[in-house]
Every structure is written in C-alpha cells, then in structure tokens.
C-alpha atoms as a PDB file:
ATOM      1  CA  UNK A   1     -12.716  11.268 -32.264  1.00  0.00           C
ATOM      2  CA  UNK A   2     -11.223  10.005 -29.001  1.00  0.00           C
ATOM      3  CA  UNK A   3     -11.230   6.284 -28.216  1.00  0.00           C
ATOM      4  CA  UNK A   4     -10.875   5.333 -24.545  1.00  0.00           C
ATOM      5  CA  UNK A   5      -9.883   1.791 -23.563  1.00  0.00           C
ATOM      6  CA  UNK A   6     -10.577   0.388 -20.112  1.00  0.00           C
ATOM      7  CA  UNK A   7     -13.497   2.760 -19.541  1.00  0.00           C
ATOM      8  CA  UNK A   8     -15.254   0.285 -17.250  1.00  0.00           C
ATOM      9  CA  UNK A   9     -12.346   0.761 -14.821  1.00  0.00           C
ATOM     10  CA  UNK A  10     -11.979   3.568 -12.301  1.00  0.00           C
ATOM     11  CA  UNK A  11      -9.175   5.502 -14.022  1.00  0.00           C
ATOM     12  CA  UNK A  12     -10.192   5.674 -17.672  1.00  0.00           C
ATOM     13  CA  UNK A  13     -13.868   5.597 -16.771  1.00  0.00           C
ATOM     14  CA  UNK A  14     -13.403   8.856 -14.896  1.00  0.00           C
ATOM     15  CA  UNK A  15     -11.397  10.280 -17.811  1.00  0.00           C
ATOM     16  CA  UNK A  16     -14.256   9.437 -20.159  1.00  0.00           C
ATOM     17  CA  UNK A  17     -16.700  11.186 -17.821  1.00  0.00           C
ATOM     18  CA  UNK A  18     -14.564  14.332 -17.810  1.00  0.00           C
ATOM     19  CA  UNK A  19     -14.393  14.289 -21.601  1.00  0.00           C
ATOM     20  CA  UNK A  20     -18.157  13.933 -21.863  1.00  0.00           C
ATOM     21  CA  UNK A  21     -18.540  17.053 -19.723  1.00  0.00           C
ATOM     22  CA  UNK A  22     -16.735  18.941 -22.497  1.00  0.00           C
ATOM     23  CA  UNK A  23     -17.475  17.052 -25.719  1.00  0.00           C
ATOM     24  CA  UNK A  24     -20.580  15.674 -27.446  1.00  0.00           C
ATOM     25  CA  UNK A  25     -21.030  11.917 -27.060  1.00  0.00           C
ATOM     26  CA  UNK A  26     -20.466  11.474 -30.793  1.00  0.00           C
ATOM     27  CA  UNK A  27     -16.794  12.449 -30.335  1.00  0.00           C
ATOM     28  CA  UNK A  28     -16.035   9.811 -27.698  1.00  0.00           C
ATOM     29  CA  UNK A  29     -15.872   6.014 -28.117  1.00  0.00           C
ATOM     30  CA  UNK A  30     -15.246   3.541 -25.302  1.00  0.00           C
ATOM     31  CA  UNK A  31     -13.477   0.290 -26.189  1.00  0.00           C
ATOM     32  CA  UNK A  32     -13.797  -2.336 -23.458  1.00  0.00           C
ATOM     33  CA  UNK A  33     -13.379  -6.052 -22.920  1.00  0.00           C
ATOM     34  CA  UNK A  34     -17.012  -6.527 -21.895  1.00  0.00           C
ATOM     35  CA  UNK A  35     -19.393  -4.097 -23.627  1.00  0.00           C
ATOM     36  CA  UNK A  36     -22.226  -5.244 -21.354  1.00  0.00           C
ATOM     37  CA  UNK A  37     -20.476  -3.470 -18.478  1.00  0.00           C
ATOM     38  CA  UNK A  38     -20.368  -0.150 -20.362  1.00  0.00           C
ATOM     39  CA  UNK A  39     -24.101   0.404 -20.351  1.00  0.00           C
ATOM     40  CA  UNK A  40     -23.846   3.754 -18.600  1.00  0.00           C
ATOM     41  CA  UNK A  41     -21.875   5.123 -21.545  1.00  0.00           C
ATOM     42  CA  UNK A  42     -24.257   3.656 -24.117  1.00  0.00           C
ATOM     43  CA  UNK A  43     -27.132   5.346 -22.283  1.00  0.00           C
ATOM     44  CA  UNK A  44     -25.380   8.683 -22.852  1.00  0.00           C
ATOM     45  CA  UNK A  45     -25.099   8.049 -26.582  1.00  0.00           C
ATOM     46  CA  UNK A  46     -21.457   6.935 -26.548  1.00  0.00           C
ATOM     47  CA  UNK A  47     -20.475   4.224 -29.027  1.00  0.00           C
ATOM     48  CA  UNK A  48     -19.269   1.114 -27.203  1.00  0.00           C
ATOM     49  CA  UNK A  49     -16.830  -1.213 -28.960  1.00  0.00           C
ATOM     50  CA  UNK A  50     -15.243  -4.477 -27.859  1.00  0.00           C
ATOM     51  CA  UNK A  51     -11.463  -4.379 -27.398  1.00  0.00           C
ATOM     52  CA  UNK A  52      -9.392  -7.009 -25.641  1.00  0.00           C
ATOM     53  CA  UNK A  53      -5.593  -6.792 -25.761  1.00  0.00           C
ATOM     54  CA  UNK A  54      -5.516 -10.594 -25.505  1.00  0.00           C
ATOM     55  CA  UNK A  55      -7.648 -10.846 -28.676  1.00  0.00           C
ATOM     56  CA  UNK A  56      -5.673  -9.044 -31.392  1.00  0.00           C
ATOM     57  CA  UNK A  57      -8.465  -9.444 -33.944  1.00  0.00           C
ATOM     58  CA  UNK A  58     -10.747  -7.277 -31.800  1.00  0.00           C
ATOM     59  CA  UNK A  59      -8.470  -4.237 -31.800  1.00  0.00           C
ATOM     60  CA  UNK A  60      -8.180  -2.672 -35.285  1.00  0.00           C
ATOM     61  CA  UNK A  61     -11.945  -2.157 -35.592  1.00  0.00           C
ATOM     62  CA  UNK A  62     -12.118  -0.929 -32.012  1.00  0.00           C
ATOM     63  CA  UNK A  63      -9.457   1.708 -32.712  1.00  0.00           C
ATOM     64  CA  UNK A  64     -10.696   2.674 -36.191  1.00  0.00           C
ATOM     65  CA  UNK A  65     -11.161   6.397 -36.773  1.00  0.00           C
ATOM     66  CA  UNK A  66      -9.345   7.444 -33.594  1.00  0.00           C
ATOM     67  CA  UNK A  67      -7.674  10.830 -33.759  1.00  0.00           C
ATOM     68  CA  UNK A  68      -6.490  10.031 -30.245  1.00  0.00           C
ATOM     69  CA  UNK A  69      -6.436   6.684 -28.422  1.00  0.00           C
ATOM     70  CA  UNK A  70      -6.060   6.384 -24.654  1.00  0.00           C
ATOM     71  CA  UNK A  71      -4.524   2.992 -23.867  1.00  0.00           C
ATOM     72  CA  UNK A  72      -4.929   1.817 -20.310  1.00  0.00           C
ATOM     73  CA  UNK A  73      -2.109  -0.340 -18.959  1.00  0.00           C
ATOM     74  CA  UNK A  74      -2.861  -3.964 -18.113  1.00  0.00           C
ATOM     75  CA  UNK A  75      -4.393  -4.375 -14.659  1.00  0.00           C
ATOM     76  CA  UNK A  76      -3.185  -7.961 -14.151  1.00  0.00           C
ATOM     77  CA  UNK A  77       0.100  -7.804 -12.195  1.00  0.00           C
ATOM     78  CA  UNK A  78       1.072 -11.308 -13.322  1.00  0.00           C
ATOM     79  CA  UNK A  79       0.197 -11.011 -17.027  1.00  0.00           C
ATOM     80  CA  UNK A  80       2.760 -10.435 -19.781  1.00  0.00           C
ATOM     81  CA  UNK A  81       1.824  -6.772 -19.869  1.00  0.00           C
ATOM     82  CA  UNK A  82       4.449  -5.763 -22.406  1.00  0.00           C
ATOM     83  CA  UNK A  83       3.198  -8.345 -24.907  1.00  0.00           C
ATOM     84  CA  UNK A  84      -0.404  -7.189 -24.386  1.00  0.00           C
ATOM     85  CA  UNK A  85       0.561  -3.552 -24.773  1.00  0.00           C
ATOM     86  CA  UNK A  86       2.614  -4.373 -27.858  1.00  0.00           C
ATOM     87  CA  UNK A  87      -0.426  -6.000 -29.433  1.00  0.00           C
ATOM     88  CA  UNK A  88      -2.431  -2.842 -28.776  1.00  0.00           C
ATOM     89  CA  UNK A  89       0.277  -0.570 -30.181  1.00  0.00           C
ATOM     90  CA  UNK A  90       0.566  -2.698 -33.318  1.00  0.00           C
ATOM     91  CA  UNK A  91      -3.208  -2.491 -33.783  1.00  0.00           C
ATOM     92  CA  UNK A  92      -3.080   1.285 -33.348  1.00  0.00           C
ATOM     93  CA  UNK A  93      -0.520   1.475 -36.134  1.00  0.00           C
ATOM     94  CA  UNK A  94      -2.678  -0.683 -38.425  1.00  0.00           C
ATOM     95  CA  UNK A  95      -5.761   1.380 -37.608  1.00  0.00           C
ATOM     96  CA  UNK A  96      -3.992   4.638 -38.470  1.00  0.00           C
ATOM     97  CA  UNK A  97      -4.527   6.193 -35.042  1.00  0.00           C
ATOM     98  CA  UNK A  98      -3.496   9.853 -34.913  1.00  0.00           C
ATOM     99  CA  UNK A  99      -1.938   9.774 -31.431  1.00  0.00           C
ATOM    100  CA  UNK A 100      -1.624   7.198 -28.658  1.00  0.00           C
ATOM    101  CA  UNK A 101      -1.733   8.212 -25.009  1.00  0.00           C
ATOM    102  CA  UNK A 102      -0.706   5.552 -22.500  1.00  0.00           C
ATOM    103  CA  UNK A 103      -1.355   5.377 -18.757  1.00  0.00           C
ATOM    104  CA  UNK A 104       2.178   4.862 -17.491  1.00  0.00           C
ATOM    105  CA  UNK A 105       3.784   5.460 -14.099  1.00  0.00           C
ATOM    106  CA  UNK A 106       6.064   8.056 -12.607  1.00  0.00           C
ATOM    107  CA  UNK A 107       8.615   5.383 -11.703  1.00  0.00           C
ATOM    108  CA  UNK A 108       8.859   3.876 -15.216  1.00  0.00           C
ATOM    109  CA  UNK A 109      12.425   2.624 -15.528  1.00  0.00           C
ATOM    110  CA  UNK A 110      14.009  -0.563 -16.896  1.00  0.00           C
ATOM    111  CA  UNK A 111      15.972  -1.112 -13.673  1.00  0.00           C
ATOM    112  CA  UNK A 112      13.195  -0.494 -11.151  1.00  0.00           C
ATOM    113  CA  UNK A 113      12.761  -3.108  -8.377  1.00  0.00           C
ATOM    114  CA  UNK A 114       8.978  -2.697  -8.922  1.00  0.00           C
ATOM    115  CA  UNK A 115       8.414  -4.789 -12.014  1.00  0.00           C
ATOM    116  CA  UNK A 116       5.319  -2.950 -13.360  1.00  0.00           C
ATOM    117  CA  UNK A 117       7.626   0.066 -13.695  1.00  0.00           C
ATOM    118  CA  UNK A 118       9.854  -2.010 -15.976  1.00  0.00           C
ATOM    119  CA  UNK A 119       6.784  -2.955 -18.020  1.00  0.00           C
ATOM    120  CA  UNK A 120       5.865   0.719 -18.356  1.00  0.00           C
ATOM    121  CA  UNK A 121       9.378   1.583 -19.525  1.00  0.00           C
ATOM    122  CA  UNK A 122       9.281  -1.217 -22.091  1.00  0.00           C
ATOM    123  CA  UNK A 123       5.872  -0.080 -23.339  1.00  0.00           C
ATOM    124  CA  UNK A 124       7.122   3.478 -23.731  1.00  0.00           C
ATOM    125  CA  UNK A 125       9.958   2.083 -25.844  1.00  0.00           C
ATOM    126  CA  UNK A 126       7.401   0.295 -28.026  1.00  0.00           C
ATOM    127  CA  UNK A 127       5.511   3.532 -28.488  1.00  0.00           C
ATOM    128  CA  UNK A 128       8.678   5.406 -29.370  1.00  0.00           C
ATOM    129  CA  UNK A 129       9.475   2.776 -32.019  1.00  0.00           C
ATOM    130  CA  UNK A 130       5.941   2.661 -33.428  1.00  0.00           C
ATOM    131  CA  UNK A 131       6.220   5.748 -35.594  1.00  0.00           C
ATOM    132  CA  UNK A 132       3.013   7.126 -34.084  1.00  0.00           C
ATOM    133  CA  UNK A 133       2.821  10.385 -32.161  1.00  0.00           C
ATOM    134  CA  UNK A 134       2.555   9.365 -28.508  1.00  0.00           C
ATOM    135  CA  UNK A 135       2.221  10.682 -25.002  1.00  0.00           C
ATOM    136  CA  UNK A 136       2.979   8.725 -21.843  1.00  0.00           C
ATOM    137  CA  UNK A 137       1.061   9.824 -18.766  1.00  0.00           C
ATOM    138  CA  UNK A 138       3.492   9.055 -15.945  1.00  0.00           C
ATOM    139  CA  UNK A 139       1.063   9.174 -13.051  1.00  0.00           C
ATOM    140  CA  UNK A 140       2.283   9.322  -9.476  1.00  0.00           C
ATOM    141  CA  UNK A 141       1.676   6.294  -7.287  1.00  0.00           C
ATOM    142  CA  UNK A 142      -2.056   6.190  -6.607  1.00  0.00           C
ATOM    143  CA  UNK A 143      -2.749   7.456  -3.113  1.00  0.00           C
ATOM    144  CA  UNK A 144      -5.686   5.141  -2.436  1.00  0.00           C
ATOM    145  CA  UNK A 145      -3.099   2.329  -2.217  1.00  0.00           C
ATOM    146  CA  UNK A 146      -2.222   3.674   1.224  1.00  0.00           C
ATOM    147  CA  UNK A 147      -5.519   2.261   2.442  1.00  0.00           C
ATOM    148  CA  UNK A 148      -4.188  -1.290   2.246  1.00  0.00           C
ATOM    149  CA  UNK A 149      -0.444  -0.675   2.375  1.00  0.00           C
ATOM    150  CA  UNK A 150      -0.589   0.876   5.848  1.00  0.00           C
ATOM    151  CA  UNK A 151      -2.615  -1.925   7.414  1.00  0.00           C
ATOM    152  CA  UNK A 152      -4.845  -1.405  10.486  1.00  0.00           C
ATOM    153  CA  UNK A 153      -2.789   1.511  11.826  1.00  0.00           C
ATOM    154  CA  UNK A 154      -5.759   3.225  13.477  1.00  0.00           C
ATOM    155  CA  UNK A 155      -6.273   0.185  15.713  1.00  0.00           C
ATOM    156  CA  UNK A 156      -2.645  -0.792  16.299  1.00  0.00           C
ATOM    157  CA  UNK A 157      -0.899   2.582  16.286  1.00  0.00           C
ATOM    158  CA  UNK A 158       1.817   1.009  14.140  1.00  0.00           C
ATOM    159  CA  UNK A 159       2.650   1.207  10.429  1.00  0.00           C
ATOM    160  CA  UNK A 160       4.952  -1.654   9.414  1.00  0.00           C
ATOM    161  CA  UNK A 161       6.989  -1.455   6.211  1.00  0.00           C
ATOM    162  CA  UNK A 162      10.010  -3.344   4.801  1.00  0.00           C
ATOM    163  CA  UNK A 163      11.734  -0.155   3.656  1.00  0.00           C
ATOM    164  CA  UNK A 164      11.214   3.587   3.486  1.00  0.00           C
ATOM    165  CA  UNK A 165      11.556   6.235   0.841  1.00  0.00           C
ATOM    166  CA  UNK A 166       9.701   9.197  -0.677  1.00  0.00           C
ATOM    167  CA  UNK A 167       6.561   8.588  -2.742  1.00  0.00           C
ATOM    168  CA  UNK A 168       4.542  11.290  -4.483  1.00  0.00           C
ATOM    169  CA  UNK A 169       1.181   9.785  -3.541  1.00  0.00           C
ATOM    170  CA  UNK A 170      -1.245  11.076  -6.174  1.00  0.00           C
ATOM    171  CA  UNK A 171      -5.037  10.891  -6.257  1.00  0.00           C
ATOM    172  CA  UNK A 172      -6.238   8.625  -9.053  1.00  0.00           C
ATOM    173  CA  UNK A 173      -9.173  10.979  -9.538  1.00  0.00           C
ATOM    174  CA  UNK A 174      -6.771  13.841 -10.244  1.00  0.00           C
ATOM    175  CA  UNK A 175      -4.796  11.729 -12.717  1.00  0.00           C
ATOM    176  CA  UNK A 176      -8.013  10.858 -14.550  1.00  0.00           C
ATOM    177  CA  UNK A 177      -9.047  14.496 -14.802  1.00  0.00           C
ATOM    178  CA  UNK A 178      -5.571  15.485 -15.998  1.00  0.00           C
ATOM    179  CA  UNK A 179      -5.664  12.797 -18.707  1.00  0.00           C
ATOM    180  CA  UNK A 180      -8.830  14.394 -20.062  1.00  0.00           C
ATOM    181  CA  UNK A 181      -7.109  17.778 -20.076  1.00  0.00           C
ATOM    182  CA  UNK A 182      -4.159  16.368 -22.014  1.00  0.00           C
ATOM    183  CA  UNK A 183      -6.506  14.749 -24.548  1.00  0.00           C
ATOM    184  CA  UNK A 184      -8.355  18.041 -24.982  1.00  0.00           C
ATOM    185  CA  UNK A 185      -5.008  19.783 -25.537  1.00  0.00           C
ATOM    186  CA  UNK A 186      -4.884  17.873 -28.854  1.00  0.00           C
ATOM    187  CA  UNK A 187      -1.227  16.952 -29.116  1.00  0.00           C
ATOM    188  CA  UNK A 188       0.284  19.713 -27.004  1.00  0.00           C
ATOM    189  CA  UNK A 189       2.160  17.130 -24.896  1.00  0.00           C
ATOM    190  CA  UNK A 190       4.746  14.871 -26.495  1.00  0.00           C
ATOM    191  CA  UNK A 191       6.461  11.810 -25.043  1.00  0.00           C
ATOM    192  CA  UNK A 192       6.558  11.233 -21.271  1.00  0.00           C
ATOM    193  CA  UNK A 193       4.771  13.750 -19.040  1.00  0.00           C
ATOM    194  CA  UNK A 194       4.873  13.456 -15.246  1.00  0.00           C
ATOM    195  CA  UNK A 195       1.647  13.935 -13.284  1.00  0.00           C
ATOM    196  CA  UNK A 196       2.203  13.895  -9.524  1.00  0.00           C
ATOM    197  CA  UNK A 197       1.052  15.505  -6.319  1.00  0.00           C
ATOM    198  CA  UNK A 198       3.290  18.386  -5.184  1.00  0.00           C
ATOM    199  CA  UNK A 199       5.045  16.512  -2.367  1.00  0.00           C
ATOM    200  CA  UNK A 200       6.715  13.143  -1.876  1.00  0.00           C
ATOM    201  CA  UNK A 201       6.515  12.113   1.799  1.00  0.00           C
ATOM    202  CA  UNK A 202       8.418   9.214   3.275  1.00  0.00           C
ATOM    203  CA  UNK A 203       6.607   6.672   5.421  1.00  0.00           C
ATOM    204  CA  UNK A 204       8.076   8.518   8.416  1.00  0.00           C
ATOM    205  CA  UNK A 205       6.152  11.557   7.187  1.00  0.00           C
ATOM    206  CA  UNK A 206       3.033   9.476   6.637  1.00  0.00           C
ATOM    207  CA  UNK A 207       3.207   8.129  10.190  1.00  0.00           C
ATOM    208  CA  UNK A 208       3.627  11.674  11.554  1.00  0.00           C
ATOM    209  CA  UNK A 209       0.590  12.839   9.585  1.00  0.00           C
ATOM    210  CA  UNK A 210      -1.379   9.837  10.837  1.00  0.00           C
ATOM    211  CA  UNK A 211      -0.418  10.750  14.417  1.00  0.00           C
ATOM    212  CA  UNK A 212      -1.671  14.297  13.904  1.00  0.00           C
ATOM    213  CA  UNK A 213      -4.896  12.992  12.404  1.00  0.00           C
ATOM    214  CA  UNK A 214      -5.856  10.703  15.285  1.00  0.00           C
ATOM    215  CA  UNK A 215      -4.278  12.757  18.073  1.00  0.00           C
ATOM    216  CA  UNK A 216      -2.058   9.972  19.398  1.00  0.00           C
ATOM    217  CA  UNK A 217       1.305   8.498  18.397  1.00  0.00           C
ATOM    218  CA  UNK A 218       1.439   6.283  15.334  1.00  0.00           C
ATOM    219  CA  UNK A 219       4.802   4.538  15.161  1.00  0.00           C
ATOM    220  CA  UNK A 220       6.651   3.513  12.007  1.00  0.00           C
ATOM    221  CA  UNK A 221       8.239   0.058  12.215  1.00  0.00           C
ATOM    222  CA  UNK A 222      10.767  -0.769   9.471  1.00  0.00           C
ATOM    223  CA  UNK A 223      11.454  -4.509   9.417  1.00  0.00           C
ATOM    224  CA  UNK A 224      13.721  -6.772   7.410  1.00  0.00           C
ATOM    225  CA  UNK A 225      12.191  -7.414   3.966  1.00  0.00           C
ATOM    226  CA  UNK A 226      12.166 -11.205   4.397  1.00  0.00           C
ATOM    227  CA  UNK A 227      10.544 -10.860   7.801  1.00  0.00           C
ATOM    228  CA  UNK A 228       7.924  -8.600   6.246  1.00  0.00           C
ATOM    229  CA  UNK A 229       7.202 -11.170   3.531  1.00  0.00           C
ATOM    230  CA  UNK A 230       6.921 -13.913   6.154  1.00  0.00           C
ATOM    231  CA  UNK A 231       4.434 -11.819   8.140  1.00  0.00           C
ATOM    232  CA  UNK A 232       2.367 -11.190   5.008  1.00  0.00           C
ATOM    233  CA  UNK A 233       2.272 -14.881   4.179  1.00  0.00           C
ATOM    234  CA  UNK A 234       1.388 -15.779   7.772  1.00  0.00           C
ATOM    235  CA  UNK A 235      -1.518 -13.326   7.539  1.00  0.00           C
ATOM    236  CA  UNK A 236      -2.833 -15.151   4.472  1.00  0.00           C
ATOM    237  CA  UNK A 237      -1.293 -13.310   1.526  1.00  0.00           C
ATOM    238  CA  UNK A 238       0.104 -15.472  -1.291  1.00  0.00           C
ATOM    239  CA  UNK A 239       3.893 -15.191  -1.349  1.00  0.00           C
ATOM    240  CA  UNK A 240       4.016 -13.974  -5.006  1.00  0.00           C
ATOM    241  CA  UNK A 241       1.665 -11.147  -4.083  1.00  0.00           C
ATOM    242  CA  UNK A 242       3.768 -10.229  -1.054  1.00  0.00           C
ATOM    243  CA  UNK A 243       6.951 -10.150  -3.128  1.00  0.00           C
ATOM    244  CA  UNK A 244       5.210  -8.084  -5.794  1.00  0.00           C
ATOM    245  CA  UNK A 245       4.373  -5.486  -3.144  1.00  0.00           C
ATOM    246  CA  UNK A 246       7.871  -5.721  -1.668  1.00  0.00           C
ATOM    247  CA  UNK A 247       9.172  -4.342  -4.956  1.00  0.00           C
ATOM    248  CA  UNK A 248       7.158  -1.181  -4.378  1.00  0.00           C
ATOM    249  CA  UNK A 249       8.956  -0.481  -1.104  1.00  0.00           C
ATOM    250  CA  UNK A 250      12.346  -1.270  -2.641  1.00  0.00           C
ATOM    251  CA  UNK A 251      11.646   1.163  -5.475  1.00  0.00           C
ATOM    252  CA  UNK A 252      10.575   3.826  -2.981  1.00  0.00           C
ATOM    253  CA  UNK A 253      13.782   3.310  -1.008  1.00  0.00           C
ATOM    254  CA  UNK A 254      15.701   3.644  -4.272  1.00  0.00           C
ATOM    255  CA  UNK A 255      14.115   7.016  -5.018  1.00  0.00           C
ATOM    256  CA  UNK A 256      12.122   5.885  -8.054  1.00  0.00           C
ATOM    257  CA  UNK A 257       8.946   7.606  -6.801  1.00  0.00           C
ATOM    258  CA  UNK A 258      10.577  10.695  -5.324  1.00  0.00           C
ATOM    259  CA  UNK A 259      10.107  13.263  -8.069  1.00  0.00           C
ATOM    260  CA  UNK A 260       7.302  15.799  -8.148  1.00  0.00           C
ATOM    261  CA  UNK A 261       6.049  18.005 -10.955  1.00  0.00           C
ATOM    262  CA  UNK A 262       3.818  21.078 -11.085  1.00  0.00           C
ATOM    263  CA  UNK A 263       2.107  20.007 -14.319  1.00  0.00           C
ATOM    264  CA  UNK A 264      -0.736  18.132 -12.626  1.00  0.00           C
ATOM    265  CA  UNK A 265      -1.849  21.240 -10.750  1.00  0.00           C
ATOM    266  CA  UNK A 266      -1.539  23.323 -13.916  1.00  0.00           C
ATOM    267  CA  UNK A 267      -3.767  20.932 -15.848  1.00  0.00           C
ATOM    268  CA  UNK A 268      -6.322  20.812 -13.040  1.00  0.00           C
ATOM    269  CA  UNK A 269      -6.286  24.548 -12.418  1.00  0.00           C
ATOM    270  CA  UNK A 270      -6.130  23.844  -8.685  1.00  0.00           C
ATOM    271  CA  UNK A 271      -3.968  22.226  -6.045  1.00  0.00           C
ATOM    272  CA  UNK A 272      -3.965  18.436  -6.422  1.00  0.00           C
ATOM    273  CA  UNK A 273      -5.217  16.343  -3.534  1.00  0.00           C
ATOM    274  CA  UNK A 274      -2.582  15.355  -0.996  1.00  0.00           C
ATOM    275  CA  UNK A 275      -1.921  12.169   0.958  1.00  0.00           C
ATOM    276  CA  UNK A 276      -3.330  13.680   4.133  1.00  0.00           C
ATOM    277  CA  UNK A 277      -6.768  13.846   2.569  1.00  0.00           C
ATOM    278  CA  UNK A 278      -6.507  10.130   1.787  1.00  0.00           C
ATOM    279  CA  UNK A 279      -5.550   9.322   5.380  1.00  0.00           C
ATOM    280  CA  UNK A 280      -8.473  11.385   6.647  1.00  0.00           C
ATOM    281  CA  UNK A 281     -10.767   9.301   4.487  1.00  0.00           C
END
C-alpha cells in the first residue's frame, strides 16, 4: 500500500492521480489535513485519512500499513518545517513504514542562501538517521514560479532581478509524474535522486527566449539586492516575503540550482518540459 500526504495539493495530488492510472484504488491511501477537500479521491474508492504534521497524534494511524509513504514538504515558508518534518518521520518509524519518499529540492544544502533548501537538507539528515529506507526526490525549481518571478515583462519589456545564475526550471507536472514512477519502482532508488529539466538557463537566457517569443527585445535588468527589496516593498510586498525570494536569486547566483540530470526524462520516457513552454503559456 502507498500512502500519499498532501494529496489535496497540486504536486502530490497529481502523483496520486498517476498512481491511480496504474494501481487499483485499494492500494492507494491519501492522508491530508482536511479530508473534506479530498472528496474526488473518495469518489474513486481511495481511503482518505486525516494527517496533520502539526498534530502528531494524527500521524501513526494515518501512516499505518504503508509499504511506501510519500511525505510532502511543508508549504508554509515561515513555519518550522524541519520540526514538522521530524514529527512526520518519527511517526513513520512508529508506524513501521516500509520506505519514506520525501519531496525535496535540487538545491538542498545546509549552506544555501535560500532557506527552504537548508530545511530540505536537514530533513534528509533526519531521514538518514531514522533507520528507515528512504528516497529524497530532489526536484528542480518549479518552472511555474517564473510566472510571478519575471513580473509584467510582456508589458514592460524588462525583467528585473537582484542577481543572475543558472536554474534548471522544471515542470511541477513532470516532477509529480516522476514521483509516481519512483514509487512504482518499489525501492529501486535509494537516498537523494535529482529530477530536473535537461537545461539550466540563466536569466539572461530567459530574457533572450522571451524576446524570441514576443518578437521584440526583452531586456534583463540586474539591480542591487537592497534596491530590489525596496522596489518589492514599495509595490506592496511584505519585506519578509521579499527577502525570502531574494534568497532564491542568491542561491541561483551561487550555482545551487545549476545541475541537471537525465533521470527525469528516463522516468517519464520522454523529454521533460522546458522553460520556454512555460513562457509561452
């Protein structure tokens, strides 16, 4: 049996759908914070259980009987994600889960300027110390983020960033499908596995692709990080949110998102989607 947490979200919800294309509903369980939102799975005959990382008592029963457990990472950028993940890992141990798979990030590293990447690295360390078989799905940075990171470039002809560096922008839909393939491989992947698109363009490359797409110049403007934060705040963004995003650009400039890996395409059996498709909309 495979237990999927966070199945009311876009990532693990899509993974659950891919599994249900291949497995009977009796072999899949979704464990979610609000079971009322998982009605579409219940309608397909999938067992729905309540599981909230912030409520440790809810987890052992939610994970019971799992040969494999897919743990989604916390979606709250300002929560104590490592503590929440640790609670889930401890519950997996108590429930006797056969294998834990965790939705991590390509840039997972304890020294990353992007603090969710530090949380992912710490969670991987918890998994390694748990004694359970585990797999960390180090997904590339989700390409749909470009939609808000680039701002209104079609109208202004300008993409403004506080730093540049290569990022292997990866379609979340592809990562979800690959997670299902890894789960169906039944333990063939051990420890961290990297799932990225085949290229890692810089924002200079993104601006060039945007220019080609609209048939007119789109200019990249790289500004001082503090100036960029000030502009974000002036436009209405809370300063903590702006500084959170600033860490992404600093990590990109530091090469934390630069690597690519062929495994995603191998799992999909096709070429993964590229950032140009995201720009084209």
